[in-house]
C-alpha atoms as a PDB file:
ATOM      1  CA  MET A   1     -12.547  -6.435 -38.901  1.00  0.00           C
ATOM      2  CA  TYR A   2     -13.831  -8.731 -41.730  1.00  0.00           C
ATOM      3  CA  ALA A   3     -13.923  -8.848 -45.278  1.00  0.00           C
ATOM      4  CA  VAL A   4     -15.939 -10.736 -48.221  1.00  0.00           C
ATOM      5  CA  ILE A   5     -13.904 -12.499 -50.793  1.00  0.00           C
ATOM      6  CA  GLN A   6     -14.873 -14.481 -53.815  1.00  0.00           C
ATOM      7  CA  SER A   7     -13.322 -17.857 -54.591  1.00  0.00           C
ATOM      8  CA  GLY A   8     -14.554 -20.699 -56.939  1.00  0.00           C
ATOM      9  CA  GLY A   9     -17.577 -18.688 -57.687  1.00  0.00           C
ATOM     10  CA  LYS A  10     -18.750 -18.479 -54.001  1.00  0.00           C
ATOM     11  CA  GLN A  11     -18.415 -15.484 -51.612  1.00  0.00           C
ATOM     12  CA  TYR A  12     -16.980 -16.000 -48.062  1.00  0.00           C
ATOM     13  CA  ARG A  13     -16.892 -13.675 -45.063  1.00  0.00           C
ATOM     14  CA  VAL A  14     -13.371 -13.993 -43.387  1.00  0.00           C
ATOM     15  CA  SER A  15     -11.559 -12.426 -40.284  1.00  0.00           C
ATOM     16  CA  PRO A  16      -7.838 -12.825 -39.307  1.00  0.00           C
ATOM     17  CA  GLY A  17      -7.181 -16.121 -37.419  1.00  0.00           C
ATOM     18  CA  GLN A  18     -10.318 -17.771 -39.133  1.00  0.00           C
ATOM     19  CA  THR A  19      -9.958 -21.055 -41.250  1.00  0.00           C
ATOM     20  CA  VAL A  20     -12.147 -21.211 -44.103  1.00  0.00           C
ATOM     21  CA  ARG A  21     -12.750 -24.044 -46.733  1.00  0.00           C
ATOM     22  CA  VAL A  22     -12.806 -22.818 -50.326  1.00  0.00           C
ATOM     23  CA  GLU A  23     -12.949 -24.690 -53.580  1.00  0.00           C
ATOM     24  CA  LYS A  24      -9.759 -26.496 -54.377  1.00  0.00           C
ATOM     25  CA  LEU A  25      -6.657 -24.155 -55.018  1.00  0.00           C
ATOM     26  CA  GLN A  26      -3.309 -25.067 -56.365  1.00  0.00           C
ATOM     27  CA  GLY A  27      -0.501 -25.287 -53.681  1.00  0.00           C
ATOM     28  CA  GLU A  28       1.053 -27.199 -50.923  1.00  0.00           C
ATOM     29  CA  VAL A  29       0.193 -27.317 -47.302  1.00  0.00           C
ATOM     30  CA  GLY A  30       1.963 -24.304 -45.713  1.00  0.00           C
ATOM     31  CA  SER A  31       2.356 -22.350 -48.849  1.00  0.00           C
ATOM     32  CA  GLU A  32       0.932 -18.639 -48.729  1.00  0.00           C
ATOM     33  CA  VAL A  33      -2.021 -17.647 -50.920  1.00  0.00           C
ATOM     34  CA  LYS A  34      -3.811 -14.351 -51.574  1.00  0.00           C
ATOM     35  CA  LEU A  35      -7.492 -14.368 -51.877  1.00  0.00           C
ATOM     36  CA  ASP A  36      -8.971 -12.028 -54.257  1.00  0.00           C
ATOM     37  CA  PRO A  37     -11.163 -10.296 -55.470  1.00  0.00           C
ATOM     38  CA  VAL A  38     -12.153  -8.645 -52.109  1.00  0.00           C
ATOM     39  CA  LEU A  39     -15.818  -7.458 -52.325  1.00  0.00           C
ATOM     40  CA  LEU A  40     -16.195  -5.776 -48.976  1.00  0.00           C
ATOM     41  CA  PHE A  41     -14.087  -4.643 -46.169  1.00  0.00           C
ATOM     42  CA  ALA A  42     -15.289  -3.654 -42.785  1.00  0.00           C
ATOM     43  CA  GLN A  43     -13.330  -2.209 -39.802  1.00  0.00           C
ATOM     44  CA  ASN A  44     -15.009  -0.613 -36.586  1.00  0.00           C
ATOM     45  CA  GLU A  45     -18.038   1.033 -37.964  1.00  0.00           C
ATOM     46  CA  GLU A  46     -16.289   1.779 -41.509  1.00  0.00           C
ATOM     47  CA  ILE A  47     -17.537  -0.175 -44.287  1.00  0.00           C
ATOM     48  CA  GLN A  48     -16.056  -0.214 -47.873  1.00  0.00           C
ATOM     49  CA  ILE A  49     -18.036  -1.716 -50.598  1.00  0.00           C
ATOM     50  CA  GLY A  50     -16.353  -2.690 -54.132  1.00  0.00           C
ATOM     51  CA  GLN A  51     -17.546  -1.790 -57.356  1.00  0.00           C
ATOM     52  CA  PRO A  52     -17.378  -4.643 -58.106  1.00  0.00           C
ATOM     53  CA  SER A  53     -14.145  -5.289 -55.989  1.00  0.00           C
ATOM     54  CA  LEU A  54     -11.651  -3.317 -53.816  1.00  0.00           C
ATOM     55  CA  SER A  55      -8.217  -3.147 -55.320  1.00  0.00           C
ATOM     56  CA  ASP A  56      -6.734  -1.488 -52.188  1.00  0.00           C
ATOM     57  CA  VAL A  57      -7.684  -4.260 -49.792  1.00  0.00           C
ATOM     58  CA  SER A  58      -5.863  -7.636 -49.889  1.00  0.00           C
ATOM     59  CA  VAL A  59      -6.534 -10.820 -47.836  1.00  0.00           C
ATOM     60  CA  SER A  60      -3.746 -13.229 -47.285  1.00  0.00           C
ATOM     61  CA  GLY A  61      -3.352 -16.591 -45.668  1.00  0.00           C
ATOM     62  CA  HIS A  62      -1.846 -20.028 -45.777  1.00  0.00           C
ATOM     63  CA  ILE A  63      -2.939 -23.511 -46.664  1.00  0.00           C
ATOM     64  CA  VAL A  64      -3.471 -25.794 -43.815  1.00  0.00           C
ATOM     65  CA  GLU A  65      -5.182 -28.678 -45.579  1.00  0.00           C
ATOM     66  CA  GLN A  66      -5.837 -30.172 -48.997  1.00  0.00           C
ATOM     67  CA  GLY A  67      -8.643 -32.648 -48.746  1.00  0.00           C
ATOM     68  CA  LYS A  68     -12.122 -34.066 -49.776  1.00  0.00           C
ATOM     69  CA  ALA A  69     -15.497 -33.576 -48.404  1.00  0.00           C
ATOM     70  CA  LYS A  70     -17.693 -36.176 -47.278  1.00  0.00           C
ATOM     71  CA  LYS A  71     -19.116 -38.393 -49.809  1.00  0.00           C
ATOM     72  CA  ILE A  72     -22.537 -37.611 -51.285  1.00  0.00           C
ATOM     73  CA  ILE A  73     -24.757 -39.921 -53.325  1.00  0.00           C
ATOM     74  CA  VAL A  74     -25.888 -38.969 -56.772  1.00  0.00           C
ATOM     75  CA  PHE A  75     -28.894 -41.069 -57.894  1.00  0.00           C
ATOM     76  CA  LYS A  76     -30.751 -40.722 -61.158  1.00  0.00           C
ATOM     77  CA  MET A  77     -33.961 -42.716 -62.016  1.00  0.00           C
ATOM     78  CA  LYS A  78     -36.624 -42.509 -64.795  1.00  0.00           C
ATOM     79  CA  ARG A  79     -39.856 -43.976 -64.098  1.00  0.00           C
ATOM     80  CA  ARG A  80     -40.973 -46.876 -66.318  1.00  0.00           C
ATOM     81  CA  LYS A  81     -37.681 -46.715 -68.266  1.00  0.00           C
ATOM     82  CA  ARG A  82     -35.666 -49.132 -65.992  1.00  0.00           C
ATOM     83  CA  TYR A  83     -33.090 -46.374 -65.759  1.00  0.00           C
ATOM     84  CA  ARG A  84     -31.175 -46.036 -62.668  1.00  0.00           C
ATOM     85  CA  ARG A  85     -27.776 -44.563 -62.009  1.00  0.00           C
ATOM     86  CA  LYS A  86     -26.028 -44.278 -58.521  1.00  0.00           C
ATOM     87  CA  GLN A  87     -22.699 -42.448 -58.279  1.00  0.00           C
ATOM     88  CA  GLY A  88     -20.694 -41.142 -55.212  1.00  0.00           C
ATOM     89  CA  HIS A  89     -18.933 -37.905 -55.109  1.00  0.00           C
ATOM     90  CA  ARG A  90     -16.319 -36.232 -52.874  1.00  0.00           C
ATOM     91  CA  GLN A  91     -15.698 -32.489 -53.494  1.00  0.00           C
ATOM     92  CA  LEU A  92     -12.111 -31.487 -53.306  1.00  0.00           C
ATOM     93  CA  PHE A  93     -11.516 -28.487 -51.034  1.00  0.00           C
ATOM     94  CA  THR A  94      -8.652 -26.377 -49.821  1.00  0.00           C
ATOM     95  CA  ALA A  95      -8.582 -25.181 -46.102  1.00  0.00           C
ATOM     96  CA  ILE A  96      -6.883 -21.859 -45.609  1.00  0.00           C
ATOM     97  CA  LYS A  97      -6.133 -19.979 -42.439  1.00  0.00           C
ATOM     98  CA  ILE A  98      -6.528 -16.203 -42.760  1.00  0.00           C
ATOM     99  CA  ASP A  99      -3.445 -14.455 -41.551  1.00  0.00           C
ATOM    100  CA  SER A 100      -4.246 -10.835 -42.281  1.00  0.00           C
ATOM    101  CA  ILE A 101      -6.549  -8.359 -43.894  1.00  0.00           C
ATOM    102  CA  GLU A 102      -4.721  -5.225 -45.146  1.00  0.00           C
ATOM    103  CA  ASN A 103      -6.157  -2.100 -46.171  1.00  0.00           C
ATOM    104  CA  ASN A 104      -3.527  -0.191 -48.070  1.00  0.00           C
ATOM    105  CA  ILE A 105      -5.331   3.103 -48.078  1.00  0.00           C
ATOM    106  CA  GLY A 106      -6.672   2.983 -44.532  1.00  0.00           C
ATOM    107  CA  ASN A 107      -3.232   1.928 -43.102  1.00  0.00           C
ATOM    108  CA  VAL A 108      -1.964   5.533 -43.053  1.00  0.00           C
ATOM    109  CA  GLU A 109      -5.188   6.750 -41.313  1.00  0.00           C
ATOM    110  CA  ASN A 110      -5.208   3.917 -38.956  1.00  0.00           C
ATOM    111  CA  ASN A 111      -1.478   4.335 -38.056  1.00  0.00           C
ATOM    112  CA  ILE A 112      -2.263   8.243 -37.457  1.00  0.00           C
ATOM    113  CA  ASP A 113      -5.221   7.108 -35.361  1.00  0.00           C
ATOM    114  CA  ASP A 114      -2.992   4.695 -33.496  1.00  0.00           C
ATOM    115  CA  MET A 115      -0.240   7.374 -32.914  1.00  0.00           C
ATOM    116  CA  GLU A 116      -2.787   9.835 -31.778  1.00  0.00           C
ATOM    117  CA  ALA A 117      -4.219   7.247 -29.449  1.00  0.00           C
ATOM    118  CA  LYS A 118      -0.829   6.532 -28.177  1.00  0.00           C
ATOM    119  CA  VAL A 119       0.044  10.192 -27.713  1.00  0.00           C
ATOM    120  CA  ASP A 120      -3.289  10.633 -25.679  1.00  0.00           C
ATOM    121  CA  SER A 121      -2.218   7.697 -23.568  1.00  0.00           C
ATOM    122  CA  ILE A 122       1.139   8.969 -22.925  1.00  0.00           C
ATOM    123  CA  GLU A 123      -0.282  12.394 -22.134  1.00  0.00           C
ATOM    124  CA  ASN A 124      -2.828  10.747 -19.725  1.00  0.00           C
ATOM    125  CA  LYS A 125       0.099   8.760 -18.221  1.00  0.00           C
ATOM    126  CA  VAL A 126       2.050  11.901 -17.937  1.00  0.00           C
ATOM    127  CA  GLU A 127      -0.944  13.605 -16.121  1.00  0.00           C
ATOM    128  CA  THR A 128      -1.388  10.702 -13.918  1.00  0.00           C
ATOM    129  CA  THR A 129       2.418  10.838 -12.976  1.00  0.00           C
ATOM    130  CA  GLU A 130       2.172  14.542 -12.262  1.00  0.00           C
ATOM    131  CA  ASN A 131      -0.887  14.154 -10.053  1.00  0.00           C
ATOM    132  CA  ARG A 132       1.061  11.347  -8.213  1.00  0.00           C
ATOM    133  CA  VAL A 133       3.932  13.526  -7.915  1.00  0.00           C
ATOM    134  CA  GLU A 134       1.903  16.387  -6.622  1.00  0.00           C
ATOM    135  CA  THR A 135       0.131  13.999  -4.063  1.00  0.00           C
ATOM    136  CA  THR A 136       3.608  12.719  -2.991  1.00  0.00           C
ATOM    137  CA  GLU A 137       4.847  16.209  -2.434  1.00  0.00           C
ATOM    138  CA  ALA A 138       1.874  17.041  -0.474  1.00  0.00           C
ATOM    139  CA  GLN A 139       2.518  13.865   1.622  1.00  0.00           C
ATOM    140  CA  VAL A 140       5.912  14.931   2.037  1.00  0.00           C
ATOM    141  CA  GLU A 141       5.122  18.335   3.114  1.00  0.00           C
ATOM    142  CA  THR A 142       2.638  16.860   5.505  1.00  0.00           C
ATOM    143  CA  THR A 143       5.372  14.396   6.832  1.00  0.00           C
ATOM    144  CA  GLU A 144       7.777  17.236   7.295  1.00  0.00           C
ATOM    145  CA  ALA A 145       5.138  19.166   9.101  1.00  0.00           C
ATOM    146  CA  LYS A 146       4.582  16.223  11.392  1.00  0.00           C
ATOM    147  CA  VAL A 147       8.095  15.810  11.910  1.00  0.00           C
ATOM    148  CA  GLU A 148       8.606  19.539  12.849  1.00  0.00           C
ATOM    149  CA  THR A 149       5.792  19.273  15.212  1.00  0.00           C
ATOM    150  CA  THR A 150       7.041  16.135  16.691  1.00  0.00           C
ATOM    151  CA  GLU A 151      10.527  17.829  17.116  1.00  0.00           C
ATOM    152  CA  ALA A 152       8.755  20.628  18.855  1.00  0.00           C
ATOM    153  CA  GLN A 153       6.901  18.357  21.149  1.00  0.00           C
ATOM    154  CA  VAL A 154      10.100  16.538  21.898  1.00  0.00           C
ATOM    155  CA  GLU A 155      11.832  19.657  22.709  1.00  0.00           C
ATOM    156  CA  THR A 156       8.855  20.900  24.721  1.00  0.00           C
ATOM    157  CA  THR A 157       9.122  17.431  26.594  1.00  0.00           C
ATOM    158  CA  GLU A 158      12.830  17.593  27.164  1.00  0.00           C
ATOM    159  CA  ALA A 159      12.348  21.258  28.623  1.00  0.00           C
ATOM    160  CA  LYS A 160       9.661  19.896  30.969  1.00  0.00           C
ATOM    161  CA  VAL A 161      11.976  16.980  31.872  1.00  0.00           C
ATOM    162  CA  GLU A 162      14.749  19.512  32.557  1.00  0.00           C
ATOM    163  CA  THR A 163      12.427  21.640  34.634  1.00  0.00           C
ATOM    164  CA  THR A 164      11.277  18.408  36.551  1.00  0.00           C
ATOM    165  CA  GLU A 165      14.922  17.464  37.204  1.00  0.00           C
ATOM    166  CA  ALA A 166      15.538  20.969  38.493  1.00  0.00           C
ATOM    167  CA  GLN A 167      12.429  20.830  40.794  1.00  0.00           C
ATOM    168  CA  VAL A 168      13.696  17.348  41.921  1.00  0.00           C
ATOM    169  CA  GLU A 169      17.009  18.826  42.586  1.00  0.00           C
ATOM    170  CA  THR A 170      15.532  21.758  44.523  1.00  0.00           C
ATOM    171  CA  THR A 171      13.277  19.341  46.411  1.00  0.00           C
ATOM    172  CA  GLU A 172      16.216  17.177  47.307  1.00  0.00           C
ATOM    173  CA  ALA A 173      18.021  20.099  48.624  1.00  0.00           C
ATOM    174  CA  LYS A 174      15.050  21.167  50.475  1.00  0.00           C
ATOM    175  CA  VAL A 175      14.871  17.769  52.003  1.00  0.00           C
ATOM    176  CA  GLU A 176      18.550  17.668  52.882  1.00  0.00           C
ATOM    177  CA  THR A 177      18.142  21.255  54.433  1.00  0.00           C
ATOM    178  CA  THR A 178      15.085  19.888  56.370  1.00  0.00           C
ATOM    179  CA  GLU A 179      16.958  16.812  57.500  1.00  0.00           C
ATOM    180  CA  ALA A 180      19.926  19.031  58.546  1.00  0.00           C
ATOM    181  CA  GLN A 181      17.445  21.223  60.668  1.00  0.00           C
ATOM    182  CA  VAL A 182      16.003  18.020  62.024  1.00  0.00           C
ATOM    183  CA  GLU A 183      19.511  16.859  63.016  1.00  0.00           C
ATOM    184  CA  THR A 184      20.075  20.388  64.641  1.00  0.00           C
ATOM    185  CA  THR A 185      16.862  20.329  66.265  1.00  0.00           C
ATOM    186  CA  GLU A 186      17.554  16.947  67.683  1.00  0.00           C
ATOM    187  CA  ALA A 187      20.927  18.150  68.824  1.00  0.00           C
ATOM    188  CA  GLN A 188      19.299  21.120  70.464  1.00  0.00           C
ATOM    189  CA  VAL A 189      16.805  18.682  72.232  1.00  0.00           C
ATOM    190  CA  GLU A 190      19.544  16.482  73.292  1.00  0.00           C
ATOM    191  CA  THR A 191      21.381  19.589  74.676  1.00  0.00           C
ATOM    192  CA  THR A 192      18.243  20.788  76.359  1.00  0.00           C
ATOM    193  CA  GLU A 193      17.764  17.346  77.819  1.00  0.00           C
ATOM    194  CA  ALA A 194      21.142  17.323  79.206  1.00  0.00           C
ATOM    195  CA  LYS A 195      20.706  20.750  80.611  1.00  0.00           C
ATOM    196  CA  VAL A 196      17.457  19.333  82.008  1.00  0.00           C
ATOM    197  CA  GLU A 197      19.301  16.550  83.764  1.00  0.00           C
ATOM    198  CA  THR A 198      21.931  18.959  85.064  1.00  0.00           C
ATOM    199  CA  THR A 199      19.343  21.312  86.367  1.00  0.00           C
ATOM    200  CA  GLU A 200      17.594  18.281  87.977  1.00  0.00           C
ATOM    201  CA  ALA A 201      21.029  17.017  89.502  1.00  0.00           C
ATOM    202  CA  LYS A 202      21.470  20.779  90.874  1.00  0.00           C
ATOM    203  CA  VAL A 203      17.944  20.876  92.351  1.00  0.00           C
ATOM    204  CA  GLU A 204      18.509  17.326  94.075  1.00  0.00           C
ATOM    205  CA  THR A 205      21.904  18.746  95.320  1.00  0.00           C
ATOM    206  CA  THR A 206      20.258  21.921  96.429  1.00  0.00           C
ATOM    207  CA  GLU A 207      17.375  19.904  98.113  1.00  0.00           C
ATOM    208  CA  ALA A 208      20.053  17.580  99.866  1.00  0.00           C
ATOM    209  CA  ASN A 209      21.926  20.857 101.101  1.00  0.00           C
ATOM    210  CA  VAL A 210      18.480  22.081 102.358  1.00  0.00           C
ATOM    211  CA  GLU A 211      17.867  19.039 104.283  1.00  0.00           C
ATOM    212  CA  THR A 212      21.471  19.068 105.546  1.00  0.00           C
ATOM    213  CA  THR A 213      20.962  22.712 106.652  1.00  0.00           C
ATOM    214  CA  GLU A 214      17.622  21.831 108.217  1.00  0.00           C
ATOM    215  CA  ALA A 215      19.283  18.933 110.071  1.00  0.00           C
ATOM    216  CA  ASN A 216      22.143  21.217 111.165  1.00  0.00           C
ATOM    217  CA  VAL A 217      19.662  23.724 112.225  1.00  0.00           C
ATOM    218  CA  GLU A 218      17.633  21.133 114.243  1.00  0.00           C
ATOM    219  CA  THR A 219      20.856  19.849 115.615  1.00  0.00           C
ATOM    220  CA  THR A 220      21.840  23.359 116.457  1.00  0.00           C
ATOM    221  CA  GLU A 221      18.400  24.097 118.182  1.00  0.00           C
ATOM    222  CA  THR A 222      18.636  20.862 120.034  1.00  0.00           C
ATOM    223  CA  THR A 223      22.035  21.881 121.321  1.00  0.00           C
ATOM    224  CA  GLU A 224      21.006  25.166 122.443  1.00  0.00           C
ATOM    225  CA  THR A 225      17.934  23.858 124.053  1.00  0.00           C
ATOM    226  CA  THR A 226      20.168  21.247 126.008  1.00  0.00           C
ATOM    227  CA  LYS A 227      22.452  24.122 127.119  1.00  0.00           C
ATOM    228  CA  GLU A 228      19.535  26.177 128.277  1.00  0.00           C
ATOM    229  CA  LYS A 229      18.113  23.372 130.300  1.00  0.00           C
ATOM    230  CA  GLU A 230      21.561  22.812 131.967  1.00  0.00           C
END
C-alpha cells in the first residue's frame, strides 16, 4: 500500500511506517499532521488516480524532526565586471513519519474482504478439525479392535494355559499311578524273591532229607549185609 501526496509544491510517494522529509511545516515535534492533497492511492493491484486529487483518501503522520538540510553554496559571478557574490543556504525541512493511509471508500470493502477471508479461514480450520476428529475416531476404532483382538488372544492363551495345567495334572496323576504300580511291582518282586528263597530253603531241606534217607538206606543195607554174613 502506498500513496502519492503533494506538499510544498513537490510530490512524494509514501507508505505506512516510512519517514519522509518535506518542506517546512508548522508544528512541534510529536504533533500529528495530515498530508494532502492525495494524488494517487494504490493497494494490492488496485490503483486510484485523483482528478486532480482523492478526497476519500487521507494520509496522516506525526512530526519527528524540524531541522535544516546541509549547507549549499550560492555563487554568482559576472565576467569582466568584477562582480562576485558567495552566499550559503540551508533549506528548512520537516521530517514526518507516516502512521497510516486510510481509504474511506475502500475500508468497507476491505473489511468485507477481511471478514470473508476470516470466514474462509475459520471454515478451513473447522474442516481441518473435523478431519482430525475423523482420523482420531478411526484411530480409536482401530485401537479398540486391537484391544478386542488382544483380549481374545489373552483368553485363548488362558484357555491354553488351563489345558496345559490340566494336562500337567493328568500327567502327574499318571506318574503317581505309575510310581504306585512300580512300588506294587517291587513289592511283588520282593514277595517272589522271598518265595524263591523259601523254595530254595525247602529244596535244601529236601536234599538234606534225601541225603539222610540215602545214608539210612546205606546203613540199613550194611546192617542187612552184616546179618547175612553172620
